[in-house]
Amino acid sequence: MRCPYCGEEKTAVRETTDYTYQVGRKRLCPKCGKYFLTLEQLAELKLTKEAYANGGNAQK
């Protein structure tokens, strides 16, 4: 996850909070030392019979 303050690509997760369909993470940037929060939403995965029959490679 990129730091919104300095742009550093690698940040560390310091705390995680689980919600019903979301996960909140408190992250620390090792470059600038600032904390920031992210809210990640879980996506629903739907497989159709066509995708399952083709091994996950559905044709459009």
PDB file of N, CA and C in Angstrom:
ATOM      1  N   MET A   1       0.853  -1.168   0.000  1.00  0.00           N
ATOM      2  CA  MET A   1       0.000   0.000   0.000  1.00  0.00           C
ATOM      3  C   MET A   1       0.900   1.233   0.000  1.00  0.00           C
ATOM      4  N   ARG A   2       0.646   2.138  -0.899  1.00  0.00           N
ATOM      5  CA  ARG A   2       1.462   3.346  -1.051  1.00  0.00           C
ATOM      6  C   ARG A   2       1.096   4.392   0.010  1.00  0.00           C
ATOM      7  N   CYS A   3       2.108   5.013   0.584  1.00  0.00           N
ATOM      8  CA  CYS A   3       1.909   6.077   1.576  1.00  0.00           C
ATOM      9  C   CYS A   3       1.341   7.316   0.881  1.00  0.00           C
ATOM     10  N   PRO A   4       0.222   7.869   1.385  1.00  0.00           N
ATOM     11  CA  PRO A   4      -0.363   9.048   0.749  1.00  0.00           C
ATOM     12  C   PRO A   4       0.439  10.323   1.017  1.00  0.00           C
ATOM     13  N   TYR A   5       1.385  10.293   1.942  1.00  0.00           N
ATOM     14  CA  TYR A   5       2.156  11.485   2.286  1.00  0.00           C
ATOM     15  C   TYR A   5       3.442  11.611   1.482  1.00  0.00           C
ATOM     16  N   CYS A   6       4.195  10.499   1.370  1.00  0.00           N
ATOM     17  CA  CYS A   6       5.490  10.582   0.680  1.00  0.00           C
ATOM     18  C   CYS A   6       5.590   9.675  -0.543  1.00  0.00           C
ATOM     19  N   GLY A   7       4.620   8.755  -0.725  1.00  0.00           N
ATOM     20  CA  GLY A   7       4.619   7.889  -1.896  1.00  0.00           C
ATOM     21  C   GLY A   7       5.388   6.597  -1.746  1.00  0.00           C
ATOM     22  N   GLU A   8       5.930   6.332  -0.569  1.00  0.00           N
ATOM     23  CA  GLU A   8       6.661   5.084  -0.329  1.00  0.00           C
ATOM     24  C   GLU A   8       5.752   3.890  -0.609  1.00  0.00           C
ATOM     25  N   GLU A   9       6.269   2.907  -1.343  1.00  0.00           N
ATOM     26  CA  GLU A   9       5.463   1.743  -1.752  1.00  0.00           C
ATOM     27  C   GLU A   9       5.227   0.745  -0.623  1.00  0.00           C
ATOM     28  N   LYS A  10       6.193   0.555   0.250  1.00  0.00           N
ATOM     29  CA  LYS A  10       6.074  -0.469   1.292  1.00  0.00           C
ATOM     30  C   LYS A  10       5.747   0.166   2.637  1.00  0.00           C
ATOM     31  N   THR A  11       4.600  -0.221   3.197  1.00  0.00           N
ATOM     32  CA  THR A  11       4.198   0.261   4.511  1.00  0.00           C
ATOM     33  C   THR A  11       3.877  -0.936   5.393  1.00  0.00           C
ATOM     34  N   ALA A  12       3.887  -0.724   6.687  1.00  0.00           N
ATOM     35  CA  ALA A  12       3.664  -1.804   7.643  1.00  0.00           C
ATOM     36  C   ALA A  12       2.287  -1.660   8.293  1.00  0.00           C
ATOM     37  N   VAL A  13       1.573  -2.782   8.429  1.00  0.00           N
ATOM     38  CA  VAL A  13       0.284  -2.794   9.117  1.00  0.00           C
ATOM     39  C   VAL A  13       0.564  -2.886  10.607  1.00  0.00           C
ATOM     40  N   ARG A  14       0.057  -1.929  11.384  1.00  0.00           N
ATOM     41  CA  ARG A  14       0.270  -1.901  12.826  1.00  0.00           C
ATOM     42  C   ARG A  14      -0.940  -2.393  13.613  1.00  0.00           C
ATOM     43  N   GLU A  15      -2.130  -2.251  13.031  1.00  0.00           N
ATOM     44  CA  GLU A  15      -3.361  -2.656  13.725  1.00  0.00           C
ATOM     45  C   GLU A  15      -4.423  -2.987  12.689  1.00  0.00           C
ATOM     46  N   THR A  16      -5.197  -4.034  12.949  1.00  0.00           N
ATOM     47  CA  THR A  16      -6.275  -4.441  12.048  1.00  0.00           C
ATOM     48  C   THR A  16      -7.574  -4.544  12.836  1.00  0.00           C
ATOM     49  N   THR A  17      -8.648  -3.991  12.276  1.00  0.00           N
ATOM     50  CA  THR A  17      -9.979  -4.064  12.881  1.00  0.00           C
ATOM     51  C   THR A  17     -10.935  -4.685  11.877  1.00  0.00           C
ATOM     52  N   ASP A  18     -11.609  -5.763  12.272  1.00  0.00           N
ATOM     53  CA  ASP A  18     -12.568  -6.428  11.401  1.00  0.00           C
ATOM     54  C   ASP A  18     -13.959  -5.873  11.621  1.00  0.00           C
ATOM     55  N   TYR A  19     -14.602  -5.507  10.528  1.00  0.00           N
ATOM     56  CA  TYR A  19     -15.999  -5.092  10.534  1.00  0.00           C
ATOM     57  C   TYR A  19     -16.778  -6.159   9.767  1.00  0.00           C
ATOM     58  N   THR A  20     -18.081  -5.990   9.613  1.00  0.00           N
ATOM     59  CA  THR A  20     -18.898  -7.004   8.959  1.00  0.00           C
ATOM     60  C   THR A  20     -18.409  -7.319   7.550  1.00  0.00           C
ATOM     61  N   TYR A  21     -18.317  -6.337   6.688  1.00  0.00           N
ATOM     62  CA  TYR A  21     -17.884  -6.559   5.305  1.00  0.00           C
ATOM     63  C   TYR A  21     -16.655  -5.723   4.942  1.00  0.00           C
ATOM     64  N   GLN A  22     -15.943  -5.226   5.955  1.00  0.00           N
ATOM     65  CA  GLN A  22     -14.774  -4.395   5.715  1.00  0.00           C
ATOM     66  C   GLN A  22     -13.687  -4.705   6.731  1.00  0.00           C
ATOM     67  N   VAL A  23     -12.471  -4.338   6.383  1.00  0.00           N
ATOM     68  CA  VAL A  23     -11.334  -4.475   7.281  1.00  0.00           C
ATOM     69  C   VAL A  23     -10.638  -3.121   7.336  1.00  0.00           C
ATOM     70  N   GLY A  24     -10.463  -2.596   8.534  1.00  0.00           N
ATOM     71  CA  GLY A  24      -9.746  -1.340   8.722  1.00  0.00           C
ATOM     72  C   GLY A  24      -8.319  -1.639   9.134  1.00  0.00           C
ATOM     73  N   ARG A  25      -7.355  -0.935   8.539  1.00  0.00           N
ATOM     74  CA  ARG A  25      -5.953  -1.167   8.876  1.00  0.00           C
ATOM     75  C   ARG A  25      -5.257   0.158   9.179  1.00  0.00           C
ATOM     76  N   LYS A  26      -4.526   0.183  10.280  1.00  0.00           N
ATOM     77  CA  LYS A  26      -3.688   1.323  10.618  1.00  0.00           C
ATOM     78  C   LYS A  26      -2.295   0.982  10.116  1.00  0.00           C
ATOM     79  N   ARG A  27      -1.754   1.828   9.243  1.00  0.00           N
ATOM     80  CA  ARG A  27      -0.470   1.544   8.599  1.00  0.00           C
ATOM     81  C   ARG A  27       0.557   2.612   8.960  1.00  0.00           C
ATOM     82  N   LEU A  28       1.818   2.194   9.006  1.00  0.00           N
ATOM     83  CA  LEU A  28       2.930   3.087   9.308  1.00  0.00           C
ATOM     84  C   LEU A  28       3.904   3.097   8.137  1.00  0.00           C
ATOM     85  N   CYS A  29       4.277   4.276   7.716  1.00  0.00           N
ATOM     86  CA  CYS A  29       5.265   4.420   6.644  1.00  0.00           C
ATOM     87  C   CYS A  29       6.663   4.454   7.262  1.00  0.00           C
ATOM     88  N   PRO A  30       7.566   3.562   6.841  1.00  0.00           N
ATOM     89  CA  PRO A  30       8.917   3.564   7.404  1.00  0.00           C
ATOM     90  C   PRO A  30       9.774   4.738   6.920  1.00  0.00           C
ATOM     91  N   LYS A  31       9.390   5.345   5.807  1.00  0.00           N
ATOM     92  CA  LYS A  31      10.187   6.439   5.243  1.00  0.00           C
ATOM     93  C   LYS A  31       9.915   7.771   5.943  1.00  0.00           C
ATOM     94  N   CYS A  32       8.617   8.156   6.051  1.00  0.00           N
ATOM     95  CA  CYS A  32       8.296   9.459   6.649  1.00  0.00           C
ATOM     96  C   CYS A  32       7.796   9.343   8.095  1.00  0.00           C
ATOM     97  N   GLY A  33       7.476   8.118   8.543  1.00  0.00           N
ATOM     98  CA  GLY A  33       7.067   7.912   9.927  1.00  0.00           C
ATOM     99  C   GLY A  33       5.631   8.274  10.242  1.00  0.00           C
ATOM    100  N   LYS A  34       4.824   8.553   9.221  1.00  0.00           N
ATOM    101  CA  LYS A  34       3.433   8.928   9.456  1.00  0.00           C
ATOM    102  C   LYS A  34       2.513   7.714   9.403  1.00  0.00           C
ATOM    103  N   TYR A  35       1.451   7.789  10.192  1.00  0.00           N
ATOM    104  CA  TYR A  35       0.413   6.763  10.187  1.00  0.00           C
ATOM    105  C   TYR A  35      -0.715   7.183   9.263  1.00  0.00           C
ATOM    106  N   PHE A  36      -1.375   6.208   8.640  1.00  0.00           N
ATOM    107  CA  PHE A  36      -2.592   6.473   7.875  1.00  0.00           C
ATOM    108  C   PHE A  36      -3.483   5.250   7.964  1.00  0.00           C
ATOM    109  N   LEU A  37      -4.760   5.457   7.713  1.00  0.00           N
ATOM    110  CA  LEU A  37      -5.754   4.392   7.823  1.00  0.00           C
ATOM    111  C   LEU A  37      -6.265   3.998   6.453  1.00  0.00           C
ATOM    112  N   THR A  38      -6.514   2.691   6.275  1.00  0.00           N
ATOM    113  CA  THR A  38      -7.153   2.210   5.059  1.00  0.00           C
ATOM    114  C   THR A  38      -8.383   1.414   5.454  1.00  0.00           C
ATOM    115  N   LEU A  39      -9.380   1.428   4.603  1.00  0.00           N
ATOM    116  CA  LEU A  39     -10.601   0.661   4.805  1.00  0.00           C
ATOM    117  C   LEU A  39     -10.767  -0.214   3.578  1.00  0.00           C
ATOM    118  N   GLU A  40     -10.652  -1.521   3.758  1.00  0.00           N
ATOM    119  CA  GLU A  40     -10.711  -2.464   2.655  1.00  0.00           C
ATOM    120  C   GLU A  40     -12.056  -3.174   2.671  1.00  0.00           C
ATOM    121  N   GLN A  41     -12.719  -3.172   1.535  1.00  0.00           N
ATOM    122  CA  GLN A  41     -14.032  -3.791   1.420  1.00  0.00           C
ATOM    123  C   GLN A  41     -13.902  -5.153   0.752  1.00  0.00           C
ATOM    124  N   LEU A  42     -14.558  -6.136   1.321  1.00  0.00           N
ATOM    125  CA  LEU A  42     -14.525  -7.477   0.763  1.00  0.00           C
ATOM    126  C   LEU A  42     -15.390  -7.536  -0.491  1.00  0.00           C
ATOM    127  N   ALA A  43     -14.886  -8.149  -1.531  1.00  0.00           N
ATOM    128  CA  ALA A  43     -15.615  -8.281  -2.790  1.00  0.00           C
ATOM    129  C   ALA A  43     -16.276  -9.653  -2.846  1.00  0.00           C
ATOM    130  N   GLU A  44     -17.448  -9.693  -3.443  1.00  0.00           N
ATOM    131  CA  GLU A  44     -18.161 -10.959  -3.600  1.00  0.00           C
ATOM    132  C   GLU A  44     -17.713 -11.618  -4.890  1.00  0.00           C
ATOM    133  N   LEU A  45     -17.356 -12.879  -4.809  1.00  0.00           N
ATOM    134  CA  LEU A  45     -16.899 -13.629  -5.968  1.00  0.00           C
ATOM    135  C   LEU A  45     -18.031 -14.530  -6.443  1.00  0.00           C
ATOM    136  N   LYS A  46     -18.413 -14.373  -7.709  1.00  0.00           N
ATOM    137  CA  LYS A  46     -19.484 -15.188  -8.276  1.00  0.00           C
ATOM    138  C   LYS A  46     -18.921 -16.037  -9.402  1.00  0.00           C
ATOM    139  N   LEU A  47     -19.140 -17.322  -9.309  1.00  0.00           N
ATOM    140  CA  LEU A  47     -18.734 -18.223 -10.382  1.00  0.00           C
ATOM    141  C   LEU A  47     -19.985 -18.727 -11.086  1.00  0.00           C
ATOM    142  N   THR A  48     -19.981 -18.628 -12.377  1.00  0.00           N
ATOM    143  CA  THR A  48     -21.108 -19.133 -13.147  1.00  0.00           C
ATOM    144  C   THR A  48     -20.825 -20.579 -13.538  1.00  0.00           C
ATOM    145  N   LYS A  49     -21.847 -21.284 -13.951  1.00  0.00           N
ATOM    146  CA  LYS A  49     -21.665 -22.666 -14.390  1.00  0.00           C
ATOM    147  C   LYS A  49     -20.737 -22.720 -15.600  1.00  0.00           C
ATOM    148  N   GLU A  50     -20.827 -21.739 -16.481  1.00  0.00           N
ATOM    149  CA  GLU A  50     -19.983 -21.699 -17.666  1.00  0.00           C
ATOM    150  C   GLU A  50     -18.514 -21.555 -17.268  1.00  0.00           C
ATOM    151  N   ALA A  51     -18.227 -20.656 -16.338  1.00  0.00           N
ATOM    152  CA  ALA A  51     -16.851 -20.458 -15.888  1.00  0.00           C
ATOM    153  C   ALA A  51     -16.333 -21.713 -15.201  1.00  0.00           C
ATOM    154  N   TYR A  52     -17.162 -22.357 -14.422  1.00  0.00           N
ATOM    155  CA  TYR A  52     -16.762 -23.582 -13.723  1.00  0.00           C
ATOM    156  C   TYR A  52     -16.490 -24.707 -14.716  1.00  0.00           C
ATOM    157  N   ALA A  53     -17.327 -24.822 -15.743  1.00  0.00           N
ATOM    158  CA  ALA A  53     -17.170 -25.892 -16.742  1.00  0.00           C
ATOM    159  C   ALA A  53     -15.900 -25.685 -17.572  1.00  0.00           C
ATOM    160  N   ASN A  54     -15.495 -24.431 -17.783  1.00  0.00           N
ATOM    161  CA  ASN A  54     -14.299 -24.145 -18.577  1.00  0.00           C
ATOM    162  C   ASN A  54     -13.051 -23.991 -17.699  1.00  0.00           C
ATOM    163  N   GLY A  55     -13.109 -24.450 -16.487  1.00  0.00           N
ATOM    164  CA  GLY A  55     -11.943 -24.353 -15.603  1.00  0.00           C
ATOM    165  C   GLY A  55     -11.644 -22.931 -15.180  1.00  0.00           C
ATOM    166  N   GLY A  56     -12.650 -22.074 -15.131  1.00  0.00           N
ATOM    167  CA  GLY A  56     -12.467 -20.694 -14.709  1.00  0.00           C
ATOM    168  C   GLY A  56     -12.177 -19.747 -15.867  1.00  0.00           C
ATOM    169  N   ASN A  57     -12.163 -20.244 -17.105  1.00  0.00           N
ATOM    170  CA  ASN A  57     -11.897 -19.405 -18.269  1.00  0.00           C
ATOM    171  C   ASN A  57     -13.174 -19.240 -19.089  1.00  0.00           C
ATOM    172  N   ALA A  58     -14.080 -18.423 -18.585  1.00  0.00           N
ATOM    173  CA  ALA A  58     -15.358 -18.208 -19.281  1.00  0.00           C
ATOM    174  C   ALA A  58     -15.143 -17.425 -20.563  1.00  0.00           C
ATOM    175  N   GLN A  59     -15.799 -17.820 -21.605  1.00  0.00           N
ATOM    176  CA  GLN A  59     -15.749 -17.134 -22.891  1.00  0.00           C
ATOM    177  C   GLN A  59     -16.847 -16.089 -22.947  1.00  0.00           C
ATOM    178  N   LYS A  60     -16.519 -14.892 -23.446  1.00  0.00           N
ATOM    179  CA  LYS A  60     -17.536 -13.835 -23.577  1.00  0.00           C
ATOM    180  C   LYS A  60     -18.090 -13.814 -24.971  1.00  0.00           C
TER     181      LYS A  60
END
